Amino acid sequence: MPQLRRRPPLHTRAGSDARRRRGDPLPRRVAEQVRASADALAALLAVEGRTVASLDDLEWADAVAARFLARRAVASCPCGRRQVW
């Protein structure tokens, strides 16, 4: 039954897809951004003692996560400039 065999990929890219772990649906930097945003949102809700987040809270958490990851990229670069992901 040839239709049951798995087809090989049409092409492979040498970019982030090649470094992606099997079964991980998101590229590494997107997964880091989502994780950092979720952590920032959870911290905000815990500090303020709330259980429900507003759209403004979500946008704030995304902005904080983006800034955090940008600062981490600068700190990890040996030349002191931002790394290109």
PDB file of N, CA and C in Angstrom:
ATOM      1  N   MET A   1       0.818  -1.171   0.000  1.00  0.00           N
ATOM      2  CA  MET A   1       0.000   0.000   0.000  1.00  0.00           C
ATOM      3  C   MET A   1       0.872   1.248   0.000  1.00  0.00           C
ATOM      4  N   PRO A   2       1.216   1.766  -1.123  1.00  0.00           N
ATOM      5  CA  PRO A   2       2.115   2.919  -1.186  1.00  0.00           C
ATOM      6  C   PRO A   2       1.511   4.197  -0.613  1.00  0.00           C
ATOM      7  N   GLN A   3       0.197   4.328  -0.596  1.00  0.00           N
ATOM      8  CA  GLN A   3      -0.388   5.562  -0.089  1.00  0.00           C
ATOM      9  C   GLN A   3      -0.252   5.690   1.432  1.00  0.00           C
ATOM     10  N   LEU A   4       0.072   4.623   2.131  1.00  0.00           N
ATOM     11  CA  LEU A   4       0.231   4.677   3.570  1.00  0.00           C
ATOM     12  C   LEU A   4       1.649   5.049   3.997  1.00  0.00           C
ATOM     13  N   ARG A   5       2.571   4.992   3.058  1.00  0.00           N
ATOM     14  CA  ARG A   5       3.934   5.359   3.401  1.00  0.00           C
ATOM     15  C   ARG A   5       4.056   6.866   3.530  1.00  0.00           C
ATOM     16  N   ARG A   6       4.906   7.280   4.417  1.00  0.00           N
ATOM     17  CA  ARG A   6       5.113   8.705   4.630  1.00  0.00           C
ATOM     18  C   ARG A   6       5.932   9.288   3.493  1.00  0.00           C
ATOM     19  N   ARG A   7       5.483  10.417   2.964  1.00  0.00           N
ATOM     20  CA  ARG A   7       6.207  11.069   1.879  1.00  0.00           C
ATOM     21  C   ARG A   7       7.418  11.819   2.421  1.00  0.00           C
ATOM     22  N   PRO A   8       8.522  11.809   1.701  1.00  0.00           N
ATOM     23  CA  PRO A   8       9.681  12.595   2.137  1.00  0.00           C
ATOM     24  C   PRO A   8       9.394  14.082   1.927  1.00  0.00           C
ATOM     25  N   PRO A   9      10.051  14.955   2.675  1.00  0.00           N
ATOM     26  CA  PRO A   9       9.826  16.386   2.489  1.00  0.00           C
ATOM     27  C   PRO A   9      10.258  16.822   1.092  1.00  0.00           C
ATOM     28  N   LEU A  10       9.560  17.810   0.546  1.00  0.00           N
ATOM     29  CA  LEU A  10       9.893  18.293  -0.788  1.00  0.00           C
ATOM     30  C   LEU A  10      11.238  19.001  -0.800  1.00  0.00           C
ATOM     31  N   HIS A  11      11.527  19.727   0.249  1.00  0.00           N
ATOM     32  CA  HIS A  11      12.807  20.426   0.354  1.00  0.00           C
ATOM     33  C   HIS A  11      13.123  20.648   1.823  1.00  0.00           C
ATOM     34  N   THR A  12      14.372  20.866   2.112  1.00  0.00           N
ATOM     35  CA  THR A  12      14.765  21.202   3.477  1.00  0.00           C
ATOM     36  C   THR A  12      15.483  22.528   3.439  1.00  0.00           C
ATOM     37  N   ARG A  13      15.180  23.341   4.415  1.00  0.00           N
ATOM     38  CA  ARG A  13      15.839  24.635   4.509  1.00  0.00           C
ATOM     39  C   ARG A  13      16.900  24.560   5.582  1.00  0.00           C
ATOM     40  N   ALA A  14      17.948  25.326   5.394  1.00  0.00           N
ATOM     41  CA  ALA A  14      19.040  25.322   6.353  1.00  0.00           C
ATOM     42  C   ALA A  14      18.800  26.302   7.487  1.00  0.00           C
ATOM     43  N   GLY A  15      17.670  26.974   7.510  1.00  0.00           N
ATOM     44  CA  GLY A  15      17.375  27.986   8.516  1.00  0.00           C
ATOM     45  C   GLY A  15      16.943  27.394   9.829  1.00  0.00           C
ATOM     46  N   SER A  16      16.021  28.058  10.473  1.00  0.00           N
ATOM     47  CA  SER A  16      15.601  27.649  11.809  1.00  0.00           C
ATOM     48  C   SER A  16      14.882  26.305  11.804  1.00  0.00           C
ATOM     49  N   ASP A  17      14.298  25.919  10.668  1.00  0.00           N
ATOM     50  CA  ASP A  17      13.602  24.639  10.614  1.00  0.00           C
ATOM     51  C   ASP A  17      14.559  23.477  10.838  1.00  0.00           C
ATOM     52  N   ALA A  18      15.811  23.631  10.379  1.00  0.00           N
ATOM     53  CA  ALA A  18      16.779  22.553  10.544  1.00  0.00           C
ATOM     54  C   ALA A  18      17.164  22.385  12.013  1.00  0.00           C
ATOM     55  N   ARG A  19      17.130  23.472  12.788  1.00  0.00           N
ATOM     56  CA  ARG A  19      17.498  23.394  14.202  1.00  0.00           C
ATOM     57  C   ARG A  19      16.315  23.038  15.089  1.00  0.00           C
ATOM     58  N   ARG A  20      15.159  23.014  14.544  1.00  0.00           N
ATOM     59  CA  ARG A  20      13.955  22.750  15.320  1.00  0.00           C
ATOM     60  C   ARG A  20      13.922  21.296  15.778  1.00  0.00           C
ATOM     61  N   ARG A  21      13.550  21.113  17.043  1.00  0.00           N
ATOM     62  CA  ARG A  21      13.424  19.748  17.542  1.00  0.00           C
ATOM     63  C   ARG A  21      12.204  19.095  16.926  1.00  0.00           C
ATOM     64  N   ARG A  22      12.274  17.788  16.820  1.00  0.00           N
ATOM     65  CA  ARG A  22      11.147  17.050  16.258  1.00  0.00           C
ATOM     66  C   ARG A  22       9.936  17.231  17.163  1.00  0.00           C
ATOM     67  N   GLY A  23       8.813  17.595  16.578  1.00  0.00           N
ATOM     68  CA  GLY A  23       7.599  17.770  17.331  1.00  0.00           C
ATOM     69  C   GLY A  23       7.393  19.169  17.881  1.00  0.00           C
ATOM     70  N   ASP A  24       8.382  20.062  17.772  1.00  0.00           N
ATOM     71  CA  ASP A  24       8.239  21.424  18.252  1.00  0.00           C
ATOM     72  C   ASP A  24       7.621  22.264  17.143  1.00  0.00           C
ATOM     73  N   PRO A  25       6.395  22.775  17.336  1.00  0.00           N
ATOM     74  CA  PRO A  25       5.704  23.456  16.243  1.00  0.00           C
ATOM     75  C   PRO A  25       6.195  24.872  15.967  1.00  0.00           C
ATOM     76  N   LEU A  26       6.935  25.477  16.886  1.00  0.00           N
ATOM     77  CA  LEU A  26       7.359  26.857  16.720  1.00  0.00           C
ATOM     78  C   LEU A  26       8.871  26.963  16.614  1.00  0.00           C
ATOM     79  N   PRO A  27       9.358  27.939  15.851  1.00  0.00           N
ATOM     80  CA  PRO A  27      10.803  28.209  15.863  1.00  0.00           C
ATOM     81  C   PRO A  27      11.242  28.622  17.269  1.00  0.00           C
ATOM     82  N   ARG A  28      12.512  28.469  17.546  1.00  0.00           N
ATOM     83  CA  ARG A  28      13.049  28.697  18.890  1.00  0.00           C
ATOM     84  C   ARG A  28      12.768  30.109  19.403  1.00  0.00           C
ATOM     85  N   ARG A  29      13.001  31.123  18.582  1.00  0.00           N
ATOM     86  CA  ARG A  29      12.823  32.490  19.084  1.00  0.00           C
ATOM     87  C   ARG A  29      11.351  32.813  19.345  1.00  0.00           C
ATOM     88  N   VAL A  30      10.455  32.251  18.557  1.00  0.00           N
ATOM     89  CA  VAL A  30       9.027  32.476  18.789  1.00  0.00           C
ATOM     90  C   VAL A  30       8.597  31.765  20.069  1.00  0.00           C
ATOM     91  N   ALA A  31       9.089  30.569  20.277  1.00  0.00           N
ATOM     92  CA  ALA A  31       8.768  29.838  21.505  1.00  0.00           C
ATOM     93  C   ALA A  31       9.284  30.585  22.730  1.00  0.00           C
ATOM     94  N   GLU A  32      10.494  31.164  22.639  1.00  0.00           N
ATOM     95  CA  GLU A  32      11.034  31.950  23.746  1.00  0.00           C
ATOM     96  C   GLU A  32      10.184  33.186  24.015  1.00  0.00           C
ATOM     97  N   GLN A  33       9.742  33.840  22.946  1.00  0.00           N
ATOM     98  CA  GLN A  33       8.903  35.035  23.081  1.00  0.00           C
ATOM     99  C   GLN A  33       7.578  34.688  23.767  1.00  0.00           C
ATOM    100  N   VAL A  34       6.964  33.595  23.345  1.00  0.00           N
ATOM    101  CA  VAL A  34       5.679  33.182  23.936  1.00  0.00           C
ATOM    102  C   VAL A  34       5.867  32.819  25.403  1.00  0.00           C
ATOM    103  N   ARG A  35       6.936  32.086  25.695  1.00  0.00           N
ATOM    104  CA  ARG A  35       7.201  31.673  27.080  1.00  0.00           C
ATOM    105  C   ARG A  35       7.457  32.883  27.982  1.00  0.00           C
ATOM    106  N   ALA A  36       8.269  33.831  27.497  1.00  0.00           N
ATOM    107  CA  ALA A  36       8.571  35.027  28.291  1.00  0.00           C
ATOM    108  C   ALA A  36       7.322  35.883  28.486  1.00  0.00           C
ATOM    109  N   SER A  37       6.495  35.982  27.457  1.00  0.00           N
ATOM    110  CA  SER A  37       5.259  36.756  27.566  1.00  0.00           C
ATOM    111  C   SER A  37       4.311  36.125  28.583  1.00  0.00           C
ATOM    112  N   ALA A  38       4.192  34.814  28.549  1.00  0.00           N
ATOM    113  CA  ALA A  38       3.330  34.118  29.508  1.00  0.00           C
ATOM    114  C   ALA A  38       3.842  34.293  30.935  1.00  0.00           C
ATOM    115  N   ASP A  39       5.167  34.248  31.116  1.00  0.00           N
ATOM    116  CA  ASP A  39       5.734  34.444  32.447  1.00  0.00           C
ATOM    117  C   ASP A  39       5.487  35.857  32.954  1.00  0.00           C
ATOM    118  N   ALA A  40       5.648  36.847  32.076  1.00  0.00           N
ATOM    119  CA  ALA A  40       5.413  38.237  32.479  1.00  0.00           C
ATOM    120  C   ALA A  40       3.948  38.455  32.844  1.00  0.00           C
ATOM    121  N   LEU A  41       3.044  37.881  32.063  1.00  0.00           N
ATOM    122  CA  LEU A  41       1.621  38.014  32.354  1.00  0.00           C
ATOM    123  C   LEU A  41       1.267  37.335  33.674  1.00  0.00           C
ATOM    124  N   ALA A  42       1.815  36.153  33.903  1.00  0.00           N
ATOM    125  CA  ALA A  42       1.552  35.448  35.160  1.00  0.00           C
ATOM    126  C   ALA A  42       2.078  36.241  36.352  1.00  0.00           C
ATOM    127  N   ALA A  43       3.251  36.850  36.204  1.00  0.00           N
ATOM    128  CA  ALA A  43       3.807  37.661  37.284  1.00  0.00           C
ATOM    129  C   ALA A  43       2.936  38.888  37.557  1.00  0.00           C
ATOM    130  N   LEU A  44       2.469  39.546  36.505  1.00  0.00           N
ATOM    131  CA  LEU A  44       1.605  40.712  36.667  1.00  0.00           C
ATOM    132  C   LEU A  44       0.329  40.348  37.419  1.00  0.00           C
ATOM    133  N   LEU A  45      -0.300  39.263  37.007  1.00  0.00           N
ATOM    134  CA  LEU A  45      -1.542  38.851  37.655  1.00  0.00           C
ATOM    135  C   LEU A  45      -1.315  38.436  39.109  1.00  0.00           C
ATOM    136  N   ALA A  46      -0.181  37.785  39.373  1.00  0.00           N
ATOM    137  CA  ALA A  46       0.112  37.360  40.742  1.00  0.00           C
ATOM    138  C   ALA A  46       0.378  38.563  41.644  1.00  0.00           C
ATOM    139  N   VAL A  47       1.131  39.533  41.140  1.00  0.00           N
ATOM    140  CA  VAL A  47       1.452  40.710  41.952  1.00  0.00           C
ATOM    141  C   VAL A  47       0.199  41.523  42.250  1.00  0.00           C
ATOM    142  N   GLU A  48      -0.669  41.660  41.255  1.00  0.00           N
ATOM    143  CA  GLU A  48      -1.878  42.453  41.446  1.00  0.00           C
ATOM    144  C   GLU A  48      -3.030  41.647  42.051  1.00  0.00           C
ATOM    145  N   GLY A  49      -2.835  40.343  42.223  1.00  0.00           N
ATOM    146  CA  GLY A  49      -3.853  39.511  42.850  1.00  0.00           C
ATOM    147  C   GLY A  49      -5.092  39.309  42.002  1.00  0.00           C
ATOM    148  N   ARG A  50      -4.910  39.290  40.703  1.00  0.00           N
ATOM    149  CA  ARG A  50      -6.046  39.107  39.799  1.00  0.00           C
ATOM    150  C   ARG A  50      -5.990  37.723  39.163  1.00  0.00           C
ATOM    151  N   THR A  51      -7.133  37.277  38.652  1.00  0.00           N
ATOM    152  CA  THR A  51      -7.191  35.990  37.952  1.00  0.00           C
ATOM    153  C   THR A  51      -7.570  36.143  36.490  1.00  0.00           C
ATOM    154  N   VAL A  52      -7.980  37.347  36.085  1.00  0.00           N
ATOM    155  CA  VAL A  52      -8.401  37.590  34.709  1.00  0.00           C
ATOM    156  C   VAL A  52      -7.526  38.683  34.112  1.00  0.00           C
ATOM    157  N   ALA A  53      -7.052  38.448  32.893  1.00  0.00           N
ATOM    158  CA  ALA A  53      -6.202  39.421  32.203  1.00  0.00           C
ATOM    159  C   ALA A  53      -7.009  40.173  31.152  1.00  0.00           C
ATOM    160  N   SER A  54      -6.692  41.438  30.982  1.00  0.00           N
ATOM    161  CA  SER A  54      -7.331  42.245  29.936  1.00  0.00           C
ATOM    162  C   SER A  54      -6.434  42.241  28.702  1.00  0.00           C
ATOM    163  N   LEU A  55      -6.938  42.796  27.622  1.00  0.00           N
ATOM    164  CA  LEU A  55      -6.147  42.910  26.405  1.00  0.00           C
ATOM    165  C   LEU A  55      -4.923  43.793  26.636  1.00  0.00           C
ATOM    166  N   ASP A  56      -5.083  44.844  27.426  1.00  0.00           N
ATOM    167  CA  ASP A  56      -3.949  45.712  27.748  1.00  0.00           C
ATOM    168  C   ASP A  56      -2.864  44.931  28.505  1.00  0.00           C
ATOM    169  N   ASP A  57      -3.279  44.033  29.385  1.00  0.00           N
ATOM    170  CA  ASP A  57      -2.318  43.205  30.114  1.00  0.00           C
ATOM    171  C   ASP A  57      -1.540  42.302  29.157  1.00  0.00           C
ATOM    172  N   LEU A  58      -2.233  41.719  28.199  1.00  0.00           N
ATOM    173  CA  LEU A  58      -1.570  40.854  27.213  1.00  0.00           C
ATOM    174  C   LEU A  58      -0.574  41.639  26.378  1.00  0.00           C
ATOM    175  N   GLU A  59      -0.972  42.835  25.945  1.00  0.00           N
ATOM    176  CA  GLU A  59      -0.065  43.664  25.149  1.00  0.00           C
ATOM    177  C   GLU A  59       1.132  44.108  25.975  1.00  0.00           C
ATOM    178  N   TRP A  60       0.910  44.441  27.243  1.00  0.00           N
ATOM    179  CA  TRP A  60       2.007  44.826  28.119  1.00  0.00           C
ATOM    180  C   TRP A  60       2.989  43.671  28.285  1.00  0.00           C
ATOM    181  N   ALA A  61       2.463  42.478  28.504  1.00  0.00           N
ATOM    182  CA  ALA A  61       3.322  41.304  28.687  1.00  0.00           C
ATOM    183  C   ALA A  61       4.130  41.017  27.422  1.00  0.00           C
ATOM    184  N   ASP A  62       3.522  41.164  26.244  1.00  0.00           N
ATOM    185  CA  ASP A  62       4.254  40.969  24.993  1.00  0.00           C
ATOM    186  C   ASP A  62       5.375  41.992  24.852  1.00  0.00           C
ATOM    187  N   ALA A  63       5.100  43.245  25.191  1.00  0.00           N
ATOM    188  CA  ALA A  63       6.116  44.293  25.086  1.00  0.00           C
ATOM    189  C   ALA A  63       7.261  44.051  26.064  1.00  0.00           C
ATOM    190  N   VAL A  64       6.929  43.651  27.278  1.00  0.00           N
ATOM    191  CA  VAL A  64       7.967  43.367  28.274  1.00  0.00           C
ATOM    192  C   VAL A  64       8.817  42.173  27.832  1.00  0.00           C
ATOM    193  N   ALA A  65       8.187  41.151  27.309  1.00  0.00           N
ATOM    194  CA  ALA A  65       8.931  39.971  26.854  1.00  0.00           C
ATOM    195  C   ALA A  65       9.852  40.322  25.693  1.00  0.00           C
ATOM    196  N   ALA A  66       9.374  41.129  24.749  1.00  0.00           N
ATOM    197  CA  ALA A  66      10.218  41.537  23.617  1.00  0.00           C
ATOM    198  C   ALA A  66      11.421  42.339  24.102  1.00  0.00           C
ATOM    199  N   ARG A  67      11.192  43.241  25.047  1.00  0.00           N
ATOM    200  CA  ARG A  67      12.289  44.049  25.589  1.00  0.00           C
ATOM    201  C   ARG A  67      13.273  43.181  26.358  1.00  0.00           C
ATOM    202  N   PHE A  68      12.765  42.254  27.129  1.00  0.00           N
ATOM    203  CA  PHE A  68      13.625  41.349  27.900  1.00  0.00           C
ATOM    204  C   PHE A  68      14.517  40.527  26.967  1.00  0.00           C
ATOM    205  N   LEU A  69      13.925  39.967  25.915  1.00  0.00           N
ATOM    206  CA  LEU A  69      14.701  39.148  24.990  1.00  0.00           C
ATOM    207  C   LEU A  69      15.703  39.986  24.210  1.00  0.00           C
ATOM    208  N   ALA A  70      15.351  41.227  23.887  1.00  0.00           N
ATOM    209  CA  ALA A  70      16.294  42.112  23.199  1.00  0.00           C
ATOM    210  C   ALA A  70      17.480  42.438  24.103  1.00  0.00           C
ATOM    211  N   ARG A  71      17.204  42.720  25.364  1.00  0.00           N
ATOM    212  CA  ARG A  71      18.301  43.003  26.311  1.00  0.00           C
ATOM    213  C   ARG A  71      19.184  41.775  26.518  1.00  0.00           C
ATOM    214  N   ARG A  72      18.581  40.610  26.554  1.00  0.00           N
ATOM    215  CA  ARG A  72      19.366  39.385  26.711  1.00  0.00           C
ATOM    216  C   ARG A  72      20.239  39.132  25.497  1.00  0.00           C
ATOM    217  N   ALA A  73      19.719  39.448  24.305  1.00  0.00           N
ATOM    218  CA  ALA A  73      20.509  39.273  23.090  1.00  0.00           C
ATOM    219  C   ALA A  73      21.711  40.212  23.091  1.00  0.00           C
ATOM    220  N   VAL A  74      21.525  41.448  23.549  1.00  0.00           N
ATOM    221  CA  VAL A  74      22.634  42.401  23.622  1.00  0.00           C
ATOM    222  C   VAL A  74      23.663  41.930  24.641  1.00  0.00           C
ATOM    223  N   ALA A  75      23.195  41.445  25.780  1.00  0.00           N
ATOM    224  CA  ALA A  75      24.110  41.000  26.833  1.00  0.00           C
ATOM    225  C   ALA A  75      24.904  39.769  26.420  1.00  0.00           C
ATOM    226  N   SER A  76      24.335  38.922  25.580  1.00  0.00           N
ATOM    227  CA  SER A  76      25.030  37.699  25.206  1.00  0.00           C
ATOM    228  C   SER A  76      25.966  37.891  24.018  1.00  0.00           C
ATOM    229  N   CYS A  77      25.885  39.030  23.364  1.00  0.00           N
ATOM    230  CA  CYS A  77      26.744  39.290  22.203  1.00  0.00           C
ATOM    231  C   CYS A  77      28.112  39.773  22.695  1.00  0.00           C
ATOM    232  N   PRO A  78      29.200  39.140  22.272  1.00  0.00           N
ATOM    233  CA  PRO A  78      30.521  39.543  22.764  1.00  0.00           C
ATOM    234  C   PRO A  78      30.930  40.944  22.313  1.00  0.00           C
ATOM    235  N   CYS A  79      30.394  41.428  21.213  1.00  0.00           N
ATOM    236  CA  CYS A  79      30.782  42.750  20.721  1.00  0.00           C
ATOM    237  C   CYS A  79      29.919  43.860  21.327  1.00  0.00           C
ATOM    238  N   GLY A  80      28.891  43.511  22.095  1.00  0.00           N
ATOM    239  CA  GLY A  80      28.052  44.504  22.735  1.00  0.00           C
ATOM    240  C   GLY A  80      26.917  45.008  21.880  1.00  0.00           C
ATOM    241  N   ARG A  81      26.770  44.479  20.693  1.00  0.00           N
ATOM    242  CA  ARG A  81      25.661  44.883  19.825  1.00  0.00           C
ATOM    243  C   ARG A  81      24.629  43.777  19.759  1.00  0.00           C
ATOM    244  N   ARG A  82      23.479  44.132  19.282  1.00  0.00           N
ATOM    245  CA  ARG A  82      22.391  43.157  19.190  1.00  0.00           C
ATOM    246  C   ARG A  82      22.697  42.089  18.165  1.00  0.00           C
ATOM    247  N   GLN A  83      22.405  40.860  18.533  1.00  0.00           N
ATOM    248  CA  GLN A  83      22.577  39.744  17.602  1.00  0.00           C
ATOM    249  C   GLN A  83      21.410  39.699  16.634  1.00  0.00           C
ATOM    250  N   VAL A  84      21.676  39.260  15.432  1.00  0.00           N
ATOM    251  CA  VAL A  84      20.614  39.054  14.465  1.00  0.00           C
ATOM    252  C   VAL A  84      20.147  37.617  14.627  1.00  0.00           C
ATOM    253  N   TRP A  85      18.867  37.437  14.879  1.00  0.00           N
ATOM    254  CA  TRP A  85      18.331  36.096  15.087  1.00  0.00           C
ATOM    255  C   TRP A  85      18.091  35.506  13.764  1.00  0.00           C
TER     256      TRP A  85
END
